[in-house]
Amino acid sequence: MLRFVVFVIIYLVLGFYSLQAIKTASRHAWVYYTFIVISLIVVGNFIFQFTLGSSDGRVLSRPKSYAFGFFLALLSFQLITILFLFSEDIFRFFSGMYQKIFGVDREFTLPARRRFLSLVALGIAALPFGSLLYGMYKGKYNFKVLKYNLEFDDLPDDFDGYTLTQISDVHSGSFDDETKISYAIDLINKQKSDVLFFTGDMVNNKAEEMKPWMALFSTLEAPDGKFSVLGNHDYGDYVDWDTEEEKAANLDDLKKIQKEMGFDLILNDSRYLERNNSKIALVGVENWGRGGFKKSGDLKKAAHNIDKNDFKILLSHDPSHWEDVVIHDEYHYHLTLSGHTHGMQFGIEIPGWIKWSPIKWRYKYWAGIYKELGQFINVNRGFGFLGYPGRVGIWPEITVITLKKKAIA
């Protein structure tokens, strides 16, 4: 409870600063009274959802997510406003000190706040505030199809031009618009890829989250099959289960759901994709993640039935597995498909110009195609969303990769 008291005090201080800017910029009392009411409602709902309104332990429910989202939007508005006003207050303080020491009346008086600066502060603060609200309203379903051509010297000839679609991080427990999800499923099918891969995190916490969406995801089609692996959220590790048996039953239910939807769930094992007289080894590992995440992935076990010289595609949820283990393995994994990072659901991307997100400080390989030691990885930005119920700049992704045989020079 003490941390919430401290939190409320800090929030009120930030709100007080923002209110000063609004009062300076506007002479209409209803404007700043409206700001006060909205601020109290947002922080009140946030505290309620994470204390008295929380009946599901650590589970980040939809009401919690939206409470967090609105709080984050308002907090960004306040933080940017305070940067301007606090800087101005430092100037006002030293101006007052100068007046007291060198002024005629020798009185300490603070100069009035400048309306222009308050207007600038509010205008700039409105940008992230509006962006975060837009991300919650539309950005989270702004699906993008990203296409790549990857060339390999040793790609089997029969797989030249072979296409694969990858989706990742569905997080079905966060969905709230069936029409948008139906559109995305149709968009995936319109790619008409040869094979479909899903690289983990079907749910936020519990298998039951996927049940309302099973019919839609069952309509996904690919002639050579649909293959999947587990992500860290699929194991139910973020739920306070009454018993270990209940937790294990939840995972079994999720496995059954994936099978009923037509997915071949690969658990530290391998398959072969075949075309005419050629084949590609498909390897799938359970989740392996750096930094406290579950390390159930066993690359050696997963690859025990394939040949070292096979052309290999690896499905592994967390890109830190690729960085720490895969690229240094004695087997050469030509292409790894991962997800997990979501691109933090926030950043700036202008193709050919800039690709940035705060997640880059946690993950070296966080979105898109990378190549190290002659091996490729694609880190999918995710299909769904978690925590903040939106996306800003880093849009939900459907990846289409075409495998190409490198031409002999």
Protein backbone atom coordinates (compact mmCIF):
# COMPACT_ATOMS: atom_id res chain seq x y z
CA MET A 1 0.00 0.00 0.00
CA LEU A 2 2.89 2.37 0.75
CA ARG A 3 4.14 2.20 -2.83
CA PHE A 4 0.72 3.29 -4.08
CA VAL A 5 0.72 6.24 -1.66
CA VAL A 6 4.15 7.29 -2.98
CA PHE A 7 2.94 6.70 -6.53
CA VAL A 8 -0.13 8.92 -6.02
CA ILE A 9 1.97 11.72 -4.54
CA ILE A 10 4.38 11.66 -7.51
CA TYR A 11 1.48 11.53 -9.96
CA LEU A 12 -0.21 14.51 -8.27
CA VAL A 13 3.01 16.54 -8.40
CA LEU A 14 3.31 15.85 -12.13
CA GLY A 15 -0.35 16.70 -12.58
CA PHE A 16 0.12 19.97 -10.69
CA TYR A 17 2.85 21.04 -13.12
CA SER A 18 0.75 20.14 -16.13
CA LEU A 19 -2.14 22.09 -14.65
CA GLN A 20 0.08 25.20 -14.39
CA ALA A 21 0.78 25.00 -18.11
CA ILE A 22 -2.92 24.63 -18.89
CA LYS A 23 -3.85 27.55 -16.65
CA THR A 24 -1.21 29.73 -18.28
CA ALA A 25 -2.25 28.74 -21.80
CA SER A 26 -6.02 29.01 -21.29
CA ARG A 27 -8.17 31.50 -19.43
CA HIS A 28 -11.21 29.17 -19.42
CA ALA A 29 -11.77 27.51 -16.05
CA TRP A 30 -13.63 24.55 -17.56
CA VAL A 31 -10.46 23.51 -19.43
CA TYR A 32 -8.36 22.92 -16.34
CA TYR A 33 -11.26 21.52 -14.32
CA THR A 34 -11.76 18.99 -17.09
CA PHE A 35 -8.05 18.11 -16.93
CA ILE A 36 -8.31 17.61 -13.15
CA VAL A 37 -11.32 15.31 -13.47
CA ILE A 38 -9.76 13.23 -16.26
CA SER A 39 -6.49 12.90 -14.33
CA LEU A 40 -8.28 11.71 -11.19
CA ILE A 41 -10.41 9.23 -13.13
CA VAL A 42 -7.39 7.75 -14.92
CA VAL A 43 -5.24 7.35 -11.81
CA GLY A 44 -8.22 6.15 -9.77
CA ASN A 45 -9.05 3.46 -12.30
CA PHE A 46 -5.40 2.44 -12.52
CA ILE A 47 -5.12 1.99 -8.76
CA PHE A 48 -8.47 0.19 -8.57
CA GLN A 49 -7.63 -2.27 -11.37
CA PHE A 50 -4.30 -3.21 -9.83
CA THR A 51 -5.53 -3.46 -6.21
CA LEU A 52 -9.18 -3.88 -5.25
CA GLY A 53 -10.33 -4.76 -8.76
CA SER A 54 -7.67 -7.43 -9.23
CA SER A 55 -8.97 -10.94 -8.65
CA ASP A 56 -6.62 -12.76 -11.00
CA GLY A 57 -3.20 -12.36 -9.39
CA ARG A 58 -0.46 -11.54 -11.86
CA VAL A 59 -2.68 -11.97 -14.91
CA LEU A 60 -2.74 -8.81 -17.01
CA SER A 61 -6.44 -8.76 -17.87
CA ARG A 62 -8.04 -6.54 -20.51
CA PRO A 63 -9.33 -3.98 -17.94
CA LYS A 64 -5.86 -3.82 -16.41
CA SER A 65 -4.30 -3.31 -19.84
CA TYR A 66 -6.58 -0.42 -20.71
CA ALA A 67 -6.13 1.14 -17.27
CA PHE A 68 -2.38 0.96 -17.87
CA GLY A 69 -2.73 2.31 -21.42
CA PHE A 70 -4.70 5.42 -20.43
CA PHE A 71 -2.39 6.01 -17.48
CA LEU A 72 0.67 5.74 -19.74
CA ALA A 73 -0.81 8.21 -22.23
CA LEU A 74 -1.57 10.80 -19.55
CA LEU A 75 1.77 10.24 -17.83
CA SER A 76 3.63 10.91 -21.10
CA PHE A 77 1.69 14.18 -21.41
CA GLN A 78 2.65 15.19 -17.89
CA LEU A 79 6.32 14.24 -18.16
CA ILE A 80 6.92 16.25 -21.32
CA THR A 81 5.05 19.24 -19.91
CA ILE A 82 7.12 19.17 -16.73
CA LEU A 83 10.38 19.19 -18.71
CA PHE A 84 9.46 22.59 -20.14
CA LEU A 85 7.95 24.05 -16.99
CA PHE A 86 10.67 22.85 -14.65
CA SER A 87 13.30 24.38 -16.96
CA GLU A 88 11.34 27.63 -16.92
CA ASP A 89 11.07 27.49 -13.12
CA ILE A 90 14.85 27.26 -12.82
CA PHE A 91 15.11 30.41 -14.95
CA ARG A 92 12.37 32.11 -12.90
CA PHE A 93 14.14 31.22 -9.64
CA PHE A 94 17.46 32.72 -10.71
CA SER A 95 15.66 35.77 -12.08
CA GLY A 96 14.03 36.23 -8.67
CA MET A 97 17.38 35.83 -6.92
CA TYR A 98 18.97 38.41 -9.22
CA GLN A 99 16.12 40.82 -8.46
CA LYS A 100 16.62 40.33 -4.70
CA ILE A 101 20.39 40.87 -4.86
CA PHE A 102 20.69 43.58 -7.48
CA GLY A 103 17.16 44.92 -7.87
CA VAL A 104 15.86 48.28 -6.70
CA ASP A 105 13.35 46.90 -4.20
CA ARG A 106 15.56 43.96 -3.16
CA GLU A 107 12.49 41.69 -3.05
CA PHE A 108 12.39 38.10 -4.19
CA THR A 109 9.67 37.86 -6.82
CA LEU A 110 9.18 35.20 -9.47
CA PRO A 111 8.50 36.38 -13.02
CA ALA A 112 5.16 35.26 -14.44
CA ARG A 113 5.06 32.13 -16.55
CA ARG A 114 5.31 32.76 -20.27
CA ARG A 115 2.15 31.77 -22.13
CA PHE A 116 4.08 31.02 -25.31
CA LEU A 117 6.29 28.45 -23.57
CA SER A 118 3.27 26.79 -21.98
CA LEU A 119 1.58 26.55 -25.37
CA VAL A 120 4.72 24.98 -26.87
CA ALA A 121 4.95 22.51 -23.98
CA LEU A 122 1.31 21.48 -24.32
CA GLY A 123 1.62 21.18 -28.09
CA ILE A 124 4.66 18.90 -27.91
CA ALA A 125 3.18 16.88 -25.02
CA ALA A 126 0.03 16.32 -27.09
CA LEU A 127 2.03 14.37 -29.70
CA PRO A 128 2.90 11.26 -27.62
CA PHE A 129 -0.42 11.57 -25.77
CA GLY A 130 -2.37 11.50 -29.04
CA SER A 131 -0.13 8.80 -30.51
CA LEU A 132 -0.66 6.49 -27.55
CA LEU A 133 -4.42 6.98 -27.73
CA TYR A 134 -4.34 6.35 -31.51
CA GLY A 135 -2.27 3.22 -30.90
CA MET A 136 -4.97 1.91 -28.59
CA TYR A 137 -7.79 2.81 -30.98
CA LYS A 138 -6.37 1.83 -34.38
CA GLY A 139 -2.64 1.15 -34.28
CA LYS A 140 -2.95 -2.26 -32.67
CA TYR A 141 -4.82 -3.58 -35.72
CA ASN A 142 -2.81 -1.76 -38.38
CA PHE A 143 -1.57 -5.03 -39.91
CA LYS A 144 1.39 -4.84 -42.30
CA VAL A 145 2.67 -7.50 -44.70
CA LEU A 146 6.47 -7.36 -44.87
CA LYS A 147 8.11 -9.28 -47.71
CA TYR A 148 11.72 -10.43 -48.00
CA ASN A 149 13.75 -12.38 -50.55
CA LEU A 150 16.60 -14.38 -49.00
CA GLU A 151 19.29 -16.01 -51.12
CA PHE A 152 21.24 -19.14 -50.20
CA ASP A 153 24.08 -20.94 -51.97
CA ASP A 154 22.95 -24.38 -50.87
CA LEU A 155 19.16 -24.09 -51.11
CA PRO A 156 17.82 -27.26 -52.77
CA ASP A 157 16.89 -26.47 -56.39
CA ASP A 158 13.28 -27.61 -55.95
CA PHE A 159 12.79 -24.98 -53.22
CA ASP A 160 13.92 -22.03 -55.33
CA GLY A 161 11.04 -19.54 -55.03
CA TYR A 162 9.50 -21.35 -52.05
CA THR A 163 7.39 -18.99 -49.92
CA LEU A 164 6.69 -19.05 -46.22
CA THR A 165 4.49 -16.88 -44.03
CA GLN A 166 5.38 -16.25 -40.40
CA ILE A 167 3.19 -14.87 -37.65
CA SER A 168 4.13 -14.62 -34.00
CA ASP A 169 2.89 -13.45 -30.61
CA VAL A 170 -0.84 -13.67 -31.20
CA HIS A 171 -1.70 -12.99 -27.53
CA SER A 172 -5.33 -13.85 -28.16
CA GLY A 173 -6.38 -12.84 -24.64
CA SER A 174 -5.90 -9.20 -25.64
CA PHE A 175 -8.17 -9.20 -28.72
CA ASP A 176 -11.34 -7.12 -28.63
CA ASP A 177 -12.39 -6.75 -32.29
CA GLU A 178 -13.43 -9.83 -34.24
CA THR A 179 -13.80 -7.89 -37.50
CA LYS A 180 -10.17 -6.74 -37.40
CA ILE A 181 -8.86 -10.21 -36.58
CA SER A 182 -10.95 -11.71 -39.38
CA TYR A 183 -9.42 -9.16 -41.77
CA ALA A 184 -5.91 -10.16 -40.64
CA ILE A 185 -6.63 -13.88 -41.11
CA ASP A 186 -7.86 -13.17 -44.66
CA LEU A 187 -4.72 -11.11 -45.27
CA ILE A 188 -2.54 -14.05 -44.25
CA ASN A 189 -4.41 -16.42 -46.57
CA LYS A 190 -4.15 -13.95 -49.46
CA GLN A 191 -0.36 -14.34 -49.38
CA LYS A 192 -0.85 -17.92 -50.65
CA SER A 193 2.45 -19.08 -49.18
CA ASP A 194 3.58 -22.67 -49.41
CA VAL A 195 3.86 -23.08 -45.65
CA LEU A 196 2.77 -21.19 -42.52
CA PHE A 197 4.80 -20.83 -39.33
CA PHE A 198 3.69 -19.56 -35.93
CA THR A 199 6.53 -18.79 -33.53
CA GLY A 200 4.95 -18.73 -30.09
CA ASP A 201 2.79 -16.90 -27.55
CA MET A 202 -0.65 -18.00 -28.68
CA VAL A 203 -2.14 -16.69 -25.42
CA ASN A 204 -1.31 -14.25 -22.66
CA ASN A 205 -1.68 -16.73 -19.83
CA LYS A 206 -4.44 -19.33 -20.20
CA ALA A 207 -5.47 -21.72 -22.96
CA GLU A 208 -9.11 -20.63 -22.65
CA GLU A 209 -8.20 -17.23 -24.13
CA MET A 210 -7.83 -18.88 -27.54
CA LYS A 211 -11.18 -20.66 -27.59
CA PRO A 212 -13.26 -17.71 -28.93
CA TRP A 213 -10.81 -17.37 -31.82
CA MET A 214 -10.33 -21.01 -32.77
CA ALA A 215 -12.82 -20.96 -35.63
CA LEU A 216 -11.09 -17.99 -37.26
CA PHE A 217 -7.55 -19.33 -36.90
CA SER A 218 -8.68 -22.74 -38.14
CA THR A 219 -9.33 -21.13 -41.53
CA LEU A 220 -5.62 -20.39 -42.03
CA GLU A 221 -4.39 -22.34 -45.04
CA ALA A 222 -1.03 -23.45 -46.45
CA PRO A 223 -0.55 -26.42 -48.82
CA ASP A 224 2.57 -27.73 -47.05
CA GLY A 225 1.13 -27.33 -43.56
CA LYS A 226 0.95 -25.09 -40.51
CA PHE A 227 3.69 -25.48 -37.91
CA SER A 228 4.12 -23.87 -34.48
CA VAL A 229 6.26 -23.69 -31.36
CA LEU A 230 5.60 -22.45 -27.84
CA GLY A 231 6.49 -19.01 -26.44
CA ASN A 232 7.14 -18.01 -22.85
CA HIS A 233 3.52 -16.97 -22.24
CA ASP A 234 2.11 -20.31 -23.43
CA TYR A 235 3.37 -22.21 -20.37
CA GLY A 236 1.15 -20.33 -17.91
CA ASP A 237 4.12 -19.21 -15.83
CA TYR A 238 2.56 -15.81 -15.06
CA VAL A 239 -0.54 -17.20 -13.33
CA ASP A 240 -0.85 -18.05 -9.64
CA TRP A 241 -2.19 -21.58 -10.14
CA ASP A 242 -3.66 -23.45 -7.19
CA THR A 243 -1.74 -26.61 -8.09
CA GLU A 244 0.97 -27.73 -10.51
CA GLU A 245 -1.55 -30.19 -11.95
CA GLU A 246 -3.83 -27.31 -12.91
CA LYS A 247 -0.96 -25.55 -14.63
CA ALA A 248 0.02 -28.71 -16.53
CA ALA A 249 -3.60 -29.24 -17.60
CA ASN A 250 -3.70 -25.71 -18.99
CA LEU A 251 -0.64 -26.41 -21.17
CA ASP A 252 -2.17 -29.69 -22.34
CA ASP A 253 -5.34 -27.81 -23.30
CA LEU A 254 -3.33 -25.32 -25.34
CA LYS A 255 -1.56 -28.13 -27.17
CA LYS A 256 -4.93 -29.71 -27.99
CA ILE A 257 -6.30 -26.37 -29.20
CA GLN A 258 -3.36 -25.91 -31.55
CA LYS A 259 -3.88 -29.41 -32.93
CA GLU A 260 -7.61 -28.80 -33.43
CA MET A 261 -6.78 -25.62 -35.37
CA GLY A 262 -4.55 -27.64 -37.68
CA PHE A 263 -1.15 -26.64 -36.31
CA ASP A 264 1.64 -29.17 -35.98
CA LEU A 265 3.21 -28.13 -32.68
CA ILE A 266 6.93 -28.98 -32.68
CA LEU A 267 8.37 -29.53 -29.21
CA ASN A 268 12.15 -29.96 -29.37
CA ASP A 269 11.75 -32.05 -32.49
CA SER A 270 11.99 -31.85 -36.27
CA ARG A 271 10.05 -32.40 -39.48
CA TYR A 272 10.90 -32.42 -43.18
CA LEU A 273 9.36 -30.29 -45.88
CA GLU A 274 9.56 -32.19 -49.15
CA ARG A 275 9.27 -31.11 -52.76
CA ASN A 276 9.97 -33.58 -55.58
CA ASN A 277 13.31 -35.18 -54.66
CA SER A 278 14.43 -32.41 -52.30
CA LYS A 279 13.80 -31.67 -48.66
CA ILE A 280 14.27 -28.97 -46.02
CA ALA A 281 14.72 -29.79 -42.34
CA LEU A 282 12.28 -27.94 -40.10
CA VAL A 283 13.42 -27.77 -36.48
CA GLY A 284 11.31 -26.46 -33.60
CA VAL A 285 12.43 -25.80 -30.04
CA GLU A 286 10.50 -24.98 -26.92
CA ASN A 287 11.04 -21.55 -25.43
CA TRP A 288 14.61 -20.57 -24.61
CA GLY A 289 15.16 -17.03 -23.46
CA ARG A 290 17.89 -15.01 -21.82
CA GLY A 291 17.30 -12.95 -18.70
CA GLY A 292 15.06 -15.08 -16.50
CA PHE A 293 12.82 -16.50 -19.22
CA LYS A 294 12.10 -20.21 -19.44
CA LYS A 295 14.89 -22.29 -20.96
CA SER A 296 13.07 -25.41 -22.10
CA GLY A 297 14.51 -25.31 -25.60
CA ASP A 298 16.93 -28.14 -26.38
CA LEU A 299 18.55 -27.59 -29.76
CA LYS A 300 20.54 -30.84 -29.71
CA LYS A 301 17.47 -32.89 -28.92
CA ALA A 302 15.40 -31.07 -31.53
CA ALA A 303 17.96 -31.78 -34.27
CA HIS A 304 18.79 -35.39 -33.43
CA ASN A 305 16.83 -36.80 -36.38
CA ILE A 306 18.23 -34.51 -39.08
CA ASP A 307 21.50 -34.46 -40.96
CA LYS A 308 24.17 -31.83 -40.41
CA ASN A 309 24.22 -31.05 -44.13
CA ASP A 310 20.47 -30.52 -44.47
CA PHE A 311 19.16 -27.07 -45.36
CA LYS A 312 17.57 -26.04 -42.06
CA ILE A 313 14.83 -23.69 -40.87
CA LEU A 314 14.58 -23.24 -37.10
CA LEU A 315 11.53 -22.04 -35.18
CA SER A 316 12.58 -20.50 -31.86
CA HIS A 317 10.43 -17.94 -30.08
CA ASP A 318 13.10 -15.77 -28.43
CA PRO A 319 15.84 -14.16 -30.59
CA SER A 320 18.29 -14.27 -27.68
CA HIS A 321 18.42 -18.04 -28.29
CA TRP A 322 19.75 -17.37 -31.79
CA GLU A 323 22.33 -14.91 -30.50
CA ASP A 324 23.55 -17.00 -27.55
CA VAL A 325 23.23 -20.56 -28.86
CA VAL A 326 22.07 -21.11 -32.43
CA ILE A 327 24.62 -19.20 -34.52
CA HIS A 328 27.47 -20.85 -32.58
CA ASP A 329 26.12 -24.39 -32.93
CA GLU A 330 28.06 -26.93 -35.00
CA TYR A 331 24.99 -27.25 -37.22
CA HIS A 332 24.43 -24.42 -39.66
CA TYR A 333 20.88 -23.09 -39.25
CA HIS A 334 20.25 -21.25 -42.50
CA LEU A 335 17.14 -19.40 -41.33
CA THR A 336 15.72 -18.90 -37.84
CA LEU A 337 12.25 -17.48 -37.27
CA SER A 338 11.57 -15.72 -33.94
CA GLY A 339 9.30 -13.16 -32.31
CA HIS A 340 8.93 -12.29 -28.63
CA THR A 341 10.10 -8.65 -28.65
CA HIS A 342 6.94 -7.09 -30.21
CA GLY A 343 9.33 -4.28 -31.19
CA MET A 344 8.11 -3.05 -27.79
CA GLN A 345 4.94 -2.01 -29.70
CA PHE A 346 6.46 1.46 -29.80
CA GLY A 347 9.06 3.09 -32.01
CA ILE A 348 9.82 4.85 -35.27
CA GLU A 349 10.22 3.05 -38.58
CA ILE A 350 10.73 4.70 -41.95
CA PRO A 351 11.99 2.08 -44.43
CA GLY A 352 15.42 2.97 -45.70
CA TRP A 353 15.79 5.80 -43.18
CA ILE A 354 15.31 4.79 -39.57
CA LYS A 355 14.34 1.82 -37.44
CA TRP A 356 14.31 2.55 -33.72
CA SER A 357 12.61 1.34 -30.59
CA PRO A 358 13.63 1.37 -26.90
CA ILE A 359 13.62 -2.44 -27.08
CA LYS A 360 16.98 -2.21 -28.89
CA TRP A 361 18.59 -1.59 -25.51
CA ARG A 362 17.40 -5.04 -24.39
CA TYR A 363 17.63 -7.06 -27.61
CA LYS A 364 20.33 -6.64 -30.22
CA TYR A 365 18.13 -8.42 -32.78
CA TRP A 366 14.66 -7.01 -32.21
CA ALA A 367 12.79 -6.64 -35.53
CA GLY A 368 13.30 -7.72 -39.12
CA ILE A 369 16.05 -9.60 -40.93
CA TYR A 370 19.59 -9.97 -39.56
CA LYS A 371 22.56 -12.02 -40.75
CA GLU A 372 25.45 -13.34 -38.68
CA LEU A 373 28.04 -15.99 -39.57
CA GLY A 374 26.22 -16.73 -42.79
CA GLN A 375 22.93 -17.42 -40.99
CA PHE A 376 19.69 -15.41 -41.16
CA ILE A 377 17.09 -14.62 -38.55
CA ASN A 378 13.76 -12.87 -38.91
CA VAL A 379 12.39 -11.33 -35.73
CA ASN A 380 8.67 -10.87 -36.30
CA ARG A 381 7.18 -7.76 -34.65
CA GLY A 382 4.15 -9.74 -33.49
CA PHE A 383 0.55 -10.18 -34.54
CA GLY A 384 -1.08 -9.13 -31.27
CA PHE A 385 -0.28 -6.93 -28.29
CA LEU A 386 0.29 -7.23 -24.56
CA GLY A 387 0.53 -4.82 -21.63
CA TYR A 388 -0.04 -1.52 -23.38
CA PRO A 389 -3.16 -2.32 -25.47
CA GLY A 390 -1.92 -0.68 -28.63
CA ARG A 391 0.92 -0.06 -31.05
CA VAL A 392 2.65 3.15 -32.08
CA GLY A 393 5.04 3.10 -35.03
CA ILE A 394 5.76 -0.63 -34.69
CA TRP A 395 2.77 -2.20 -36.39
CA PRO A 396 1.47 -5.79 -36.18
CA GLU A 397 3.31 -7.90 -38.72
CA ILE A 398 2.70 -10.70 -41.20
CA THR A 399 6.03 -11.80 -42.67
CA VAL A 400 6.37 -13.37 -46.10
CA ILE A 401 9.79 -14.76 -47.00
CA THR A 402 10.74 -16.13 -50.39
CA LEU A 403 13.70 -18.53 -50.48
CA LYS A 404 15.93 -18.04 -53.49
CA LYS A 405 18.83 -20.04 -54.90
CA LYS A 406 21.79 -17.69 -55.21
CA ALA A 407 22.89 -17.41 -58.82
CA ILE A 408 26.37 -18.64 -59.65
CA ALA A 409 28.55 -15.70 -60.63
